């Protein structure tokens, strides 16, 4: 199936800013700050399709974690898709953002996903406006960031792609209650940029 999604991206994790996993000034990142990464990632599709299926406007959130010292640092994740999406949209979006439909997500991060705890339709509210970044999901996930981190060099993240440099931010709130992914952090790192994901050429 031919598909393409692009839009805005915002994430936060429990590392201290600047996240040591980032690429800064073209230099590759390394281990997470504390050896365990708790994260929430969000995508707002501004334009997208899969075949004839319109995906424009849909919102997707992934919450998860991994341990640096576990071989391969496999991810455990749960995926949330906004409940305005119909069944066909939900199915395709899950395939795209879990890396199961190949393309950019599969190359960027999909291979790291080892355990999927669930794929759920949910009340997802995103705000990707500058200095007012927010993720809210059904009262289970809450992320807030308002402050930009001044950096003299280009900062990029592998999830949206290193070809999409963006803005490192400071997250005041990072909370998840999605068993067994349960944590609450403050004053941690975040990142905002754009993303462009496409299917592999046929």
N, C-alpha and C. Protein backbone atom coordinates (compact mmCIF):
# COMPACT_ATOMS: atom_id res chain seq x y z
N UNK A 1 0.84 -1.19 0.00
CA UNK A 1 0.00 0.00 0.00
C UNK A 1 0.88 1.25 0.00
N UNK A 2 0.56 2.19 -0.85
CA UNK A 2 1.25 3.48 -0.85
C UNK A 2 0.70 4.33 0.28
N UNK A 3 1.57 4.90 1.10
CA UNK A 3 1.11 5.76 2.17
C UNK A 3 2.13 6.86 2.45
N UNK A 4 1.65 7.94 3.02
CA UNK A 4 2.51 9.07 3.38
C UNK A 4 1.83 9.86 4.49
N UNK A 5 2.58 10.20 5.53
CA UNK A 5 2.05 11.04 6.61
C UNK A 5 3.11 12.07 6.98
N UNK A 6 2.69 13.28 7.22
CA UNK A 6 3.61 14.32 7.65
C UNK A 6 2.88 15.30 8.54
N UNK A 7 3.65 15.95 9.43
CA UNK A 7 3.02 16.90 10.34
C UNK A 7 3.99 17.34 11.42
N UNK A 8 3.46 17.54 12.62
CA UNK A 8 4.28 18.02 13.74
C UNK A 8 4.50 16.91 14.75
N UNK A 9 5.61 17.05 15.48
CA UNK A 9 6.05 16.01 16.40
C UNK A 9 6.51 16.66 17.69
N UNK A 10 6.15 16.02 18.81
CA UNK A 10 6.62 16.45 20.13
C UNK A 10 6.79 15.23 21.01
N UNK A 11 7.91 15.21 21.74
CA UNK A 11 8.17 14.10 22.66
C UNK A 11 8.77 14.62 23.95
N UNK A 12 8.77 13.77 24.95
CA UNK A 12 9.49 14.04 26.20
C UNK A 12 9.94 12.71 26.78
N UNK A 13 11.04 12.74 27.52
CA UNK A 13 11.49 11.54 28.22
C UNK A 13 12.13 11.95 29.54
N UNK A 14 12.53 10.98 30.34
CA UNK A 14 13.02 11.28 31.67
C UNK A 14 14.50 11.64 31.72
N UNK A 15 15.14 11.79 30.55
CA UNK A 15 16.53 12.26 30.53
C UNK A 15 16.59 13.74 30.88
N UNK A 16 17.77 14.18 31.31
CA UNK A 16 17.99 15.60 31.54
C UNK A 16 18.33 16.27 30.21
N UNK A 17 17.87 17.51 30.00
CA UNK A 17 18.18 18.19 28.75
C UNK A 17 19.63 18.69 28.75
N UNK A 18 20.25 18.71 27.59
CA UNK A 18 19.82 18.17 26.32
C UNK A 18 19.90 16.64 26.39
N UNK A 19 18.87 15.97 25.88
CA UNK A 19 18.85 14.52 25.94
C UNK A 19 20.13 13.96 25.31
N UNK A 20 20.86 13.11 26.04
CA UNK A 20 22.11 12.56 25.50
C UNK A 20 21.90 11.62 24.32
N UNK A 21 20.66 11.22 24.06
CA UNK A 21 20.39 10.38 22.90
C UNK A 21 20.34 11.19 21.60
N UNK A 22 20.22 12.50 21.71
CA UNK A 22 20.11 13.34 20.52
C UNK A 22 21.42 13.39 19.74
N UNK A 23 21.28 13.74 18.48
CA UNK A 23 22.43 14.11 17.66
C UNK A 23 22.58 15.62 17.79
N UNK A 24 23.75 16.06 18.25
CA UNK A 24 24.00 17.49 18.45
C UNK A 24 25.20 17.89 17.59
N UNK A 25 24.99 18.89 16.72
CA UNK A 25 26.07 19.32 15.86
C UNK A 25 26.60 18.22 14.97
N UNK A 26 25.74 17.26 14.61
CA UNK A 26 26.14 16.16 13.76
C UNK A 26 26.81 15.01 14.49
N UNK A 27 27.04 15.17 15.80
CA UNK A 27 27.65 14.10 16.59
C UNK A 27 26.58 13.17 17.13
N UNK A 28 26.79 11.88 16.96
CA UNK A 28 25.79 10.90 17.40
C UNK A 28 25.62 10.91 18.91
N UNK A 29 24.40 10.59 19.36
CA UNK A 29 24.11 10.51 20.78
C UNK A 29 24.56 9.19 21.37
N UNK A 30 24.29 9.04 22.67
CA UNK A 30 24.72 7.84 23.38
C UNK A 30 23.67 7.35 24.35
N UNK A 31 24.10 6.90 25.51
CA UNK A 31 23.21 6.34 26.52
C UNK A 31 22.30 7.41 27.12
N UNK A 32 21.16 6.94 27.61
CA UNK A 32 20.25 7.85 28.31
C UNK A 32 20.87 8.28 29.64
N UNK A 33 20.34 9.35 30.20
CA UNK A 33 20.92 9.95 31.41
C UNK A 33 21.01 8.96 32.56
N UNK A 34 19.94 8.20 32.77
CA UNK A 34 19.85 7.34 33.95
C UNK A 34 19.90 5.85 33.63
N UNK A 35 20.14 5.50 32.35
CA UNK A 35 20.21 4.10 31.96
C UNK A 35 18.86 3.45 31.69
N UNK A 36 17.79 4.16 32.04
CA UNK A 36 16.42 3.72 31.75
C UNK A 36 15.70 4.90 31.14
N UNK A 37 15.05 4.70 30.00
CA UNK A 37 14.35 5.78 29.33
C UNK A 37 12.85 5.54 29.41
N UNK A 38 12.12 6.45 30.04
CA UNK A 38 10.66 6.48 30.03
C UNK A 38 10.25 7.60 29.08
N UNK A 39 9.42 7.31 28.09
CA UNK A 39 9.15 8.31 27.06
C UNK A 39 7.70 8.36 26.64
N UNK A 40 7.33 9.53 26.11
CA UNK A 40 6.04 9.73 25.46
C UNK A 40 6.31 10.47 24.16
N UNK A 41 5.81 9.93 23.06
CA UNK A 41 6.01 10.49 21.74
C UNK A 41 4.65 10.84 21.14
N UNK A 42 4.59 11.92 20.38
CA UNK A 42 3.30 12.30 19.78
C UNK A 42 3.48 12.83 18.37
N UNK A 43 2.53 12.44 17.52
CA UNK A 43 2.52 12.88 16.12
C UNK A 43 1.14 13.45 15.80
N UNK A 44 1.12 14.60 15.14
CA UNK A 44 -0.13 15.20 14.66
C UNK A 44 -0.01 15.26 13.14
N UNK A 45 -0.81 14.47 12.47
CA UNK A 45 -0.74 14.37 11.02
C UNK A 45 -1.47 15.55 10.40
N UNK A 46 -0.73 16.41 9.73
CA UNK A 46 -1.32 17.57 9.06
C UNK A 46 -1.74 17.24 7.63
N UNK A 47 -1.09 16.22 7.08
CA UNK A 47 -1.45 15.74 5.74
C UNK A 47 -1.04 14.29 5.65
N UNK A 48 -1.97 13.44 5.21
CA UNK A 48 -1.61 12.03 5.14
C UNK A 48 -2.67 11.18 4.45
N UNK A 49 -2.20 10.06 3.91
CA UNK A 49 -3.10 9.12 3.27
C UNK A 49 -2.45 7.75 3.27
N UNK A 50 -3.28 6.73 3.13
CA UNK A 50 -2.83 5.37 2.88
C UNK A 50 -3.74 4.82 1.81
N UNK A 51 -3.20 4.69 0.60
CA UNK A 51 -4.08 4.39 -0.53
C UNK A 51 -5.08 5.52 -0.67
N UNK A 52 -6.37 5.17 -0.69
CA UNK A 52 -7.43 6.19 -0.79
C UNK A 52 -7.93 6.65 0.57
N UNK A 53 -7.35 6.13 1.64
CA UNK A 53 -7.81 6.44 2.99
C UNK A 53 -7.16 7.73 3.48
N UNK A 54 -7.97 8.72 3.82
CA UNK A 54 -7.46 10.00 4.30
C UNK A 54 -7.07 9.88 5.78
N UNK A 55 -5.85 10.32 6.11
CA UNK A 55 -5.36 10.27 7.49
C UNK A 55 -5.12 11.67 8.05
N UNK A 56 -5.48 12.68 7.31
CA UNK A 56 -5.24 14.07 7.72
C UNK A 56 -5.97 14.38 9.03
N UNK A 57 -5.26 15.02 9.95
CA UNK A 57 -5.85 15.44 11.21
C UNK A 57 -5.75 14.45 12.34
N UNK A 58 -5.37 13.23 12.04
CA UNK A 58 -5.32 12.21 13.08
C UNK A 58 -4.12 12.43 14.00
N UNK A 59 -4.28 12.01 15.27
CA UNK A 59 -3.25 12.19 16.29
C UNK A 59 -2.89 10.83 16.90
N UNK A 60 -1.59 10.64 17.11
CA UNK A 60 -1.08 9.36 17.60
C UNK A 60 -0.10 9.62 18.73
N UNK A 61 -0.19 8.82 19.78
CA UNK A 61 0.72 8.92 20.93
C UNK A 61 1.26 7.54 21.25
N UNK A 62 2.56 7.47 21.49
CA UNK A 62 3.19 6.23 21.93
C UNK A 62 3.89 6.49 23.26
N UNK A 63 3.63 5.64 24.23
CA UNK A 63 4.31 5.73 25.52
C UNK A 63 5.09 4.43 25.71
N UNK A 64 6.28 4.54 26.30
CA UNK A 64 7.08 3.33 26.42
C UNK A 64 8.32 3.52 27.27
N UNK A 65 9.11 2.46 27.34
CA UNK A 65 10.41 2.57 28.00
C UNK A 65 11.36 1.51 27.50
N UNK A 66 12.64 1.70 27.84
CA UNK A 66 13.66 0.71 27.55
C UNK A 66 14.81 0.89 28.53
N UNK A 67 15.63 -0.16 28.65
CA UNK A 67 16.81 -0.15 29.51
C UNK A 67 18.06 -0.20 28.64
N UNK A 68 18.98 0.70 28.85
CA UNK A 68 20.20 0.73 28.05
C UNK A 68 20.99 -0.57 28.15
N UNK A 69 20.99 -1.19 29.31
CA UNK A 69 21.85 -2.35 29.52
C UNK A 69 21.21 -3.66 29.10
N UNK A 70 19.97 -3.64 28.69
CA UNK A 70 19.34 -4.85 28.16
C UNK A 70 19.79 -5.02 26.72
N UNK A 71 20.24 -6.20 26.30
CA UNK A 71 20.76 -6.38 24.95
C UNK A 71 19.79 -5.87 23.89
N UNK A 72 20.27 -4.96 23.08
CA UNK A 72 19.43 -4.37 22.04
C UNK A 72 18.52 -3.26 22.52
N UNK A 73 18.47 -3.01 23.82
CA UNK A 73 17.59 -1.99 24.41
C UNK A 73 16.18 -2.04 23.83
N UNK A 74 15.51 -3.21 23.91
CA UNK A 74 14.18 -3.33 23.29
C UNK A 74 13.14 -2.47 23.99
N UNK A 75 12.27 -1.90 23.17
CA UNK A 75 11.21 -1.03 23.68
C UNK A 75 9.99 -1.84 24.08
N UNK A 76 9.36 -1.42 25.17
CA UNK A 76 8.01 -1.85 25.53
C UNK A 76 7.11 -0.64 25.38
N UNK A 77 6.04 -0.75 24.59
CA UNK A 77 5.24 0.43 24.25
C UNK A 77 3.75 0.13 24.31
N UNK A 78 2.99 1.21 24.41
CA UNK A 78 1.55 1.18 24.19
C UNK A 78 1.24 2.31 23.21
N UNK A 79 0.31 2.06 22.29
CA UNK A 79 -0.02 3.04 21.26
C UNK A 79 -1.46 3.51 21.43
N UNK A 80 -1.64 4.82 21.33
CA UNK A 80 -2.96 5.43 21.44
C UNK A 80 -3.26 6.23 20.17
N UNK A 81 -4.44 6.03 19.63
CA UNK A 81 -4.88 6.72 18.42
C UNK A 81 -6.15 7.48 18.76
N UNK A 82 -6.24 8.73 18.30
CA UNK A 82 -7.39 9.54 18.71
C UNK A 82 -8.70 8.88 18.27
N UNK A 83 -9.69 8.96 19.14
CA UNK A 83 -10.92 8.20 18.94
C UNK A 83 -11.84 8.78 17.87
N UNK A 84 -11.39 9.86 17.21
CA UNK A 84 -12.12 10.33 16.04
C UNK A 84 -11.78 9.52 14.80
N UNK A 85 -10.72 8.73 14.87
CA UNK A 85 -10.33 7.86 13.75
C UNK A 85 -11.29 6.68 13.66
N UNK A 86 -11.64 6.31 12.43
CA UNK A 86 -12.50 5.14 12.28
C UNK A 86 -11.65 3.87 12.33
N UNK A 87 -12.31 2.73 12.23
CA UNK A 87 -11.62 1.45 12.41
C UNK A 87 -10.53 1.26 11.36
N UNK A 88 -10.79 1.62 10.12
CA UNK A 88 -9.79 1.48 9.07
C UNK A 88 -8.60 2.39 9.32
N UNK A 89 -8.86 3.62 9.71
CA UNK A 89 -7.77 4.55 10.02
C UNK A 89 -6.94 4.05 11.19
N UNK A 90 -7.60 3.56 12.23
CA UNK A 90 -6.88 3.05 13.39
C UNK A 90 -5.95 1.91 13.00
N UNK A 91 -6.44 1.00 12.18
CA UNK A 91 -5.63 -0.14 11.77
C UNK A 91 -4.39 0.29 10.99
N UNK A 92 -4.58 1.19 10.04
CA UNK A 92 -3.46 1.64 9.23
C UNK A 92 -2.48 2.46 10.06
N UNK A 93 -2.98 3.34 10.92
CA UNK A 93 -2.10 4.16 11.74
C UNK A 93 -1.27 3.30 12.69
N UNK A 94 -1.88 2.28 13.25
CA UNK A 94 -1.11 1.37 14.10
C UNK A 94 0.00 0.69 13.30
N UNK A 95 -0.32 0.25 12.09
CA UNK A 95 0.69 -0.37 11.26
C UNK A 95 1.83 0.56 10.90
N UNK A 96 1.50 1.81 10.60
CA UNK A 96 2.53 2.78 10.23
C UNK A 96 3.41 3.11 11.42
N UNK A 97 2.81 3.52 12.54
CA UNK A 97 3.59 4.07 13.64
C UNK A 97 4.26 3.01 14.51
N UNK A 98 3.85 1.76 14.38
CA UNK A 98 4.59 0.68 15.03
C UNK A 98 5.66 0.10 14.11
N UNK A 99 5.78 0.66 12.91
CA UNK A 99 6.81 0.22 11.98
C UNK A 99 6.47 -1.06 11.26
N UNK A 100 5.21 -1.50 11.30
CA UNK A 100 4.83 -2.77 10.70
C UNK A 100 4.54 -2.67 9.21
N UNK A 101 4.44 -1.43 8.71
CA UNK A 101 4.17 -1.23 7.29
C UNK A 101 5.40 -0.71 6.57
N UNK A 102 6.57 -0.96 7.17
CA UNK A 102 7.82 -0.55 6.52
C UNK A 102 7.97 0.95 6.49
N UNK A 103 8.75 1.43 5.55
CA UNK A 103 8.92 2.86 5.36
C UNK A 103 9.74 3.51 6.45
N UNK A 104 9.57 4.82 6.58
CA UNK A 104 10.41 5.61 7.47
C UNK A 104 10.34 5.17 8.93
N UNK A 105 9.17 4.94 9.52
CA UNK A 105 9.16 4.53 10.93
C UNK A 105 9.91 3.23 11.18
N UNK A 106 9.80 2.30 10.26
CA UNK A 106 10.51 1.04 10.41
C UNK A 106 12.01 1.26 10.45
N UNK A 107 12.50 2.15 9.60
CA UNK A 107 13.94 2.43 9.57
C UNK A 107 14.38 3.26 10.77
N UNK A 108 13.56 4.22 11.18
CA UNK A 108 13.97 5.14 12.25
C UNK A 108 13.96 4.49 13.63
N UNK A 109 12.89 3.74 13.94
CA UNK A 109 12.75 3.23 15.31
C UNK A 109 11.99 1.92 15.42
N UNK A 110 11.31 1.51 14.37
CA UNK A 110 10.42 0.35 14.47
C UNK A 110 11.11 -0.92 14.91
N UNK A 111 12.36 -1.09 14.50
CA UNK A 111 13.07 -2.30 14.87
C UNK A 111 13.36 -2.42 16.35
N UNK A 112 13.29 -1.29 17.07
CA UNK A 112 13.54 -1.32 18.52
C UNK A 112 12.33 -1.81 19.30
N UNK A 113 11.13 -1.75 18.70
CA UNK A 113 9.91 -2.13 19.41
C UNK A 113 9.85 -3.64 19.55
N UNK A 114 9.80 -4.10 20.79
CA UNK A 114 9.80 -5.54 21.07
C UNK A 114 8.46 -6.01 21.62
N UNK A 115 7.89 -5.24 22.55
CA UNK A 115 6.64 -5.61 23.19
C UNK A 115 5.63 -4.49 23.02
N UNK A 116 4.46 -4.84 22.49
CA UNK A 116 3.36 -3.88 22.35
C UNK A 116 2.28 -4.26 23.35
N UNK A 117 2.10 -3.43 24.35
CA UNK A 117 1.14 -3.73 25.42
C UNK A 117 -0.30 -3.58 24.98
N UNK A 118 -0.51 -2.71 23.99
CA UNK A 118 -1.87 -2.51 23.51
C UNK A 118 -1.92 -1.41 22.47
N UNK A 119 -2.98 -1.46 21.66
CA UNK A 119 -3.29 -0.42 20.68
C UNK A 119 -4.70 0.02 20.99
N UNK A 120 -4.88 1.28 21.35
CA UNK A 120 -6.16 1.71 21.89
C UNK A 120 -6.64 3.01 21.26
N UNK A 121 -7.93 3.07 20.96
CA UNK A 121 -8.55 4.35 20.64
C UNK A 121 -8.75 5.11 21.95
N UNK A 122 -8.47 6.41 21.93
CA UNK A 122 -8.51 7.17 23.18
C UNK A 122 -8.82 8.62 22.90
N UNK A 123 -9.14 9.32 23.96
CA UNK A 123 -9.34 10.77 23.91
C UNK A 123 -7.95 11.41 23.95
N UNK A 124 -7.42 11.71 22.78
CA UNK A 124 -6.08 12.29 22.64
C UNK A 124 -6.19 13.77 22.38
N UNK A 125 -5.46 14.57 23.16
CA UNK A 125 -5.40 16.01 22.96
C UNK A 125 -3.95 16.43 22.85
N UNK A 126 -3.58 16.97 21.70
CA UNK A 126 -2.22 17.44 21.48
C UNK A 126 -2.21 18.94 21.26
N UNK A 127 -1.15 19.58 21.71
CA UNK A 127 -0.86 20.97 21.39
C UNK A 127 0.60 21.03 21.01
N UNK A 128 0.88 21.33 19.76
CA UNK A 128 2.25 21.39 19.28
C UNK A 128 2.69 22.82 18.98
N UNK A 129 1.97 23.79 19.56
CA UNK A 129 2.34 25.18 19.36
C UNK A 129 3.61 25.50 20.15
N UNK A 130 4.44 26.34 19.59
CA UNK A 130 5.70 26.72 20.22
C UNK A 130 5.46 27.27 21.62
N UNK A 131 6.26 26.77 22.57
CA UNK A 131 6.22 27.18 23.97
C UNK A 131 4.90 26.85 24.66
N UNK A 132 4.14 25.94 24.05
CA UNK A 132 2.94 25.43 24.72
C UNK A 132 2.69 24.00 24.23
N UNK A 133 3.73 23.16 24.39
CA UNK A 133 3.63 21.79 23.91
C UNK A 133 2.91 20.94 24.96
N UNK A 134 1.94 20.14 24.51
CA UNK A 134 1.14 19.33 25.42
C UNK A 134 0.80 17.98 24.80
N UNK A 135 0.75 16.96 25.66
CA UNK A 135 0.19 15.65 25.31
C UNK A 135 -0.75 15.26 26.44
N UNK A 136 -1.98 14.91 26.10
CA UNK A 136 -2.92 14.39 27.09
C UNK A 136 -3.67 13.22 26.48
N UNK A 137 -3.77 12.13 27.24
CA UNK A 137 -4.46 10.94 26.77
C UNK A 137 -5.28 10.36 27.90
N UNK A 138 -6.61 10.51 27.82
CA UNK A 138 -7.55 9.82 28.71
C UNK A 138 -7.21 9.93 30.19
N UNK A 139 -6.53 10.98 30.62
CA UNK A 139 -6.12 11.10 32.01
C UNK A 139 -4.99 10.18 32.39
N UNK A 140 -4.48 9.39 31.44
CA UNK A 140 -3.42 8.42 31.72
C UNK A 140 -2.03 8.95 31.39
N UNK A 141 -1.97 9.86 30.44
CA UNK A 141 -0.69 10.42 30.01
C UNK A 141 -0.82 11.93 30.00
N UNK A 142 0.16 12.60 30.59
CA UNK A 142 0.18 14.06 30.58
C UNK A 142 1.62 14.54 30.44
N UNK A 143 1.84 15.37 29.43
CA UNK A 143 3.15 15.97 29.20
C UNK A 143 2.95 17.45 28.93
N UNK A 144 3.82 18.27 29.52
CA UNK A 144 3.74 19.71 29.30
C UNK A 144 5.14 20.29 29.24
N UNK A 145 5.35 21.19 28.29
CA UNK A 145 6.64 21.88 28.15
C UNK A 145 6.38 23.28 27.60
N UNK A 146 7.07 24.26 28.16
CA UNK A 146 6.89 25.65 27.74
C UNK A 146 8.20 26.38 27.48
N UNK A 147 9.33 25.79 27.88
CA UNK A 147 10.61 26.49 27.83
C UNK A 147 11.54 25.86 26.81
N UNK A 148 12.10 26.68 25.95
CA UNK A 148 13.08 26.23 24.98
C UNK A 148 14.48 26.21 25.61
N UNK A 149 15.28 25.25 25.21
CA UNK A 149 16.68 25.16 25.64
C UNK A 149 17.55 25.80 24.56
N UNK A 150 18.32 26.81 24.94
CA UNK A 150 19.20 27.48 23.97
C UNK A 150 20.37 26.57 23.62
N UNK A 151 20.55 26.34 22.34
CA UNK A 151 21.62 25.48 21.84
C UNK A 151 22.28 26.18 20.65
N UNK A 152 23.59 26.20 20.63
CA UNK A 152 24.32 26.85 19.53
C UNK A 152 24.47 25.94 18.32
N UNK A 153 24.18 24.65 18.49
CA UNK A 153 24.34 23.70 17.40
C UNK A 153 23.01 23.07 17.04
N UNK A 154 22.96 22.46 15.88
CA UNK A 154 21.75 21.79 15.43
C UNK A 154 21.48 20.55 16.27
N UNK A 155 20.23 20.39 16.71
CA UNK A 155 19.82 19.24 17.50
C UNK A 155 18.82 18.43 16.69
N UNK A 156 19.00 17.11 16.65
CA UNK A 156 18.10 16.24 15.90
C UNK A 156 17.84 14.97 16.70
N UNK A 157 16.73 14.34 16.38
CA UNK A 157 16.29 13.12 17.08
C UNK A 157 15.98 12.05 16.05
N UNK A 158 16.34 10.82 16.35
CA UNK A 158 16.15 9.74 15.40
C UNK A 158 14.72 9.33 15.17
N UNK A 159 13.80 9.66 16.06
CA UNK A 159 12.41 9.22 15.88
C UNK A 159 11.75 9.93 14.70
N UNK A 160 11.71 11.26 14.69
CA UNK A 160 11.21 11.93 13.48
C UNK A 160 12.19 11.85 12.33
N UNK A 161 13.47 11.61 12.65
CA UNK A 161 14.50 11.51 11.63
C UNK A 161 15.55 12.58 11.80
N UNK A 162 16.80 12.22 11.60
CA UNK A 162 17.89 13.17 11.77
C UNK A 162 17.89 14.24 10.69
N UNK A 163 17.07 14.03 9.66
CA UNK A 163 16.91 15.05 8.61
C UNK A 163 15.89 16.11 9.01
N UNK A 164 15.33 16.00 10.23
CA UNK A 164 14.32 16.95 10.71
C UNK A 164 14.81 17.59 12.01
N UNK A 165 15.82 18.45 11.96
CA UNK A 165 16.29 19.09 13.20
C UNK A 165 15.17 19.90 13.83
N UNK A 166 15.26 20.06 15.17
CA UNK A 166 14.19 20.75 15.86
C UNK A 166 14.67 21.47 17.09
N UNK A 167 13.74 21.65 18.04
CA UNK A 167 13.98 22.46 19.22
C UNK A 167 13.98 21.59 20.48
N UNK A 168 15.10 21.60 21.21
CA UNK A 168 15.14 20.96 22.52
C UNK A 168 14.37 21.83 23.51
N UNK A 169 13.55 21.19 24.36
CA UNK A 169 12.72 21.92 25.31
C UNK A 169 12.83 21.28 26.68
N UNK A 170 12.34 21.99 27.69
CA UNK A 170 12.31 21.47 29.05
C UNK A 170 10.87 21.13 29.43
N UNK A 171 10.64 19.85 29.75
CA UNK A 171 9.30 19.39 30.11
C UNK A 171 9.09 19.56 31.61
N UNK A 172 8.07 20.31 31.97
CA UNK A 172 7.75 20.47 33.39
C UNK A 172 7.02 19.26 33.94
N UNK A 173 6.30 18.56 33.06
CA UNK A 173 5.49 17.42 33.48
C UNK A 173 5.67 16.27 32.51
N UNK A 174 5.87 15.08 33.04
CA UNK A 174 5.91 13.85 32.23
C UNK A 174 5.33 12.74 33.10
N UNK A 175 4.08 12.41 32.83
CA UNK A 175 3.39 11.44 33.68
C UNK A 175 2.71 10.39 32.82
N UNK A 176 2.81 9.14 33.24
CA UNK A 176 2.12 8.04 32.57
C UNK A 176 1.57 7.06 33.60
N UNK A 177 0.38 6.57 33.34
CA UNK A 177 -0.23 5.55 34.18
C UNK A 177 -0.88 4.53 33.25
N UNK A 178 -0.02 3.75 32.60
CA UNK A 178 -0.44 2.73 31.65
C UNK A 178 0.30 1.46 32.05
N UNK A 179 -0.28 0.69 32.95
CA UNK A 179 0.40 -0.48 33.50
C UNK A 179 1.04 -1.34 32.40
N UNK A 180 2.29 -1.74 32.58
CA UNK A 180 3.21 -1.48 33.70
C UNK A 180 4.05 -0.20 33.54
N UNK A 181 3.66 0.64 32.57
CA UNK A 181 4.39 1.89 32.33
C UNK A 181 3.79 2.98 33.22
N UNK A 182 4.34 3.10 34.41
CA UNK A 182 3.81 4.04 35.39
C UNK A 182 4.97 4.87 35.93
N UNK A 183 4.91 6.18 35.74
CA UNK A 183 5.96 7.06 36.26
C UNK A 183 5.47 8.50 36.32
N UNK A 184 6.21 9.32 37.01
CA UNK A 184 5.94 10.76 37.04
C UNK A 184 7.26 11.48 37.25
N UNK A 185 7.60 12.35 36.28
CA UNK A 185 8.85 13.10 36.30
C UNK A 185 8.56 14.59 36.09
N UNK A 186 9.49 15.41 36.50
CA UNK A 186 9.40 16.84 36.22
C UNK A 186 10.79 17.36 35.88
N UNK A 187 10.80 18.49 35.18
CA UNK A 187 12.06 19.14 34.81
C UNK A 187 12.96 18.19 34.02
N UNK A 188 12.42 17.63 32.96
CA UNK A 188 13.15 16.69 32.11
C UNK A 188 13.18 17.22 30.67
N UNK A 189 13.64 16.40 29.74
CA UNK A 189 13.88 16.90 28.38
C UNK A 189 12.68 16.64 27.47
N UNK A 190 12.62 17.43 26.42
CA UNK A 190 11.63 17.26 25.37
C UNK A 190 12.19 17.73 24.04
N UNK A 191 11.45 17.49 22.99
CA UNK A 191 11.93 17.84 21.65
C UNK A 191 10.73 18.06 20.75
N UNK A 192 10.78 19.12 19.95
CA UNK A 192 9.68 19.46 19.04
C UNK A 192 10.23 19.70 17.65
N UNK A 193 9.55 19.16 16.65
CA UNK A 193 9.99 19.33 15.27
C UNK A 193 8.84 18.94 14.33
N UNK A 194 9.18 18.68 13.08
CA UNK A 194 8.24 18.16 12.10
C UNK A 194 8.66 16.73 11.75
N UNK A 195 7.76 16.00 11.11
CA UNK A 195 8.11 14.66 10.63
C UNK A 195 7.53 14.46 9.25
N UNK A 196 8.19 13.63 8.48
CA UNK A 196 7.71 13.19 7.17
C UNK A 196 8.02 11.71 7.06
N UNK A 197 6.98 10.88 7.09
CA UNK A 197 7.14 9.43 6.97
C UNK A 197 6.49 8.96 5.68
N UNK A 198 7.20 8.07 4.97
CA UNK A 198 6.65 7.56 3.72
C UNK A 198 6.90 6.06 3.60
N UNK A 199 6.07 5.41 2.80
CA UNK A 199 6.26 4.00 2.50
C UNK A 199 7.54 3.82 1.69
N UNK A 200 8.09 2.63 1.74
CA UNK A 200 9.25 2.33 0.90
C UNK A 200 8.85 2.37 -0.56
N UNK A 201 9.73 2.84 -1.43
CA UNK A 201 9.41 2.84 -2.87
C UNK A 201 9.17 1.42 -3.36
N UNK A 202 8.25 1.28 -4.26
CA UNK A 202 7.93 -0.03 -4.84
C UNK A 202 8.92 -0.32 -5.97
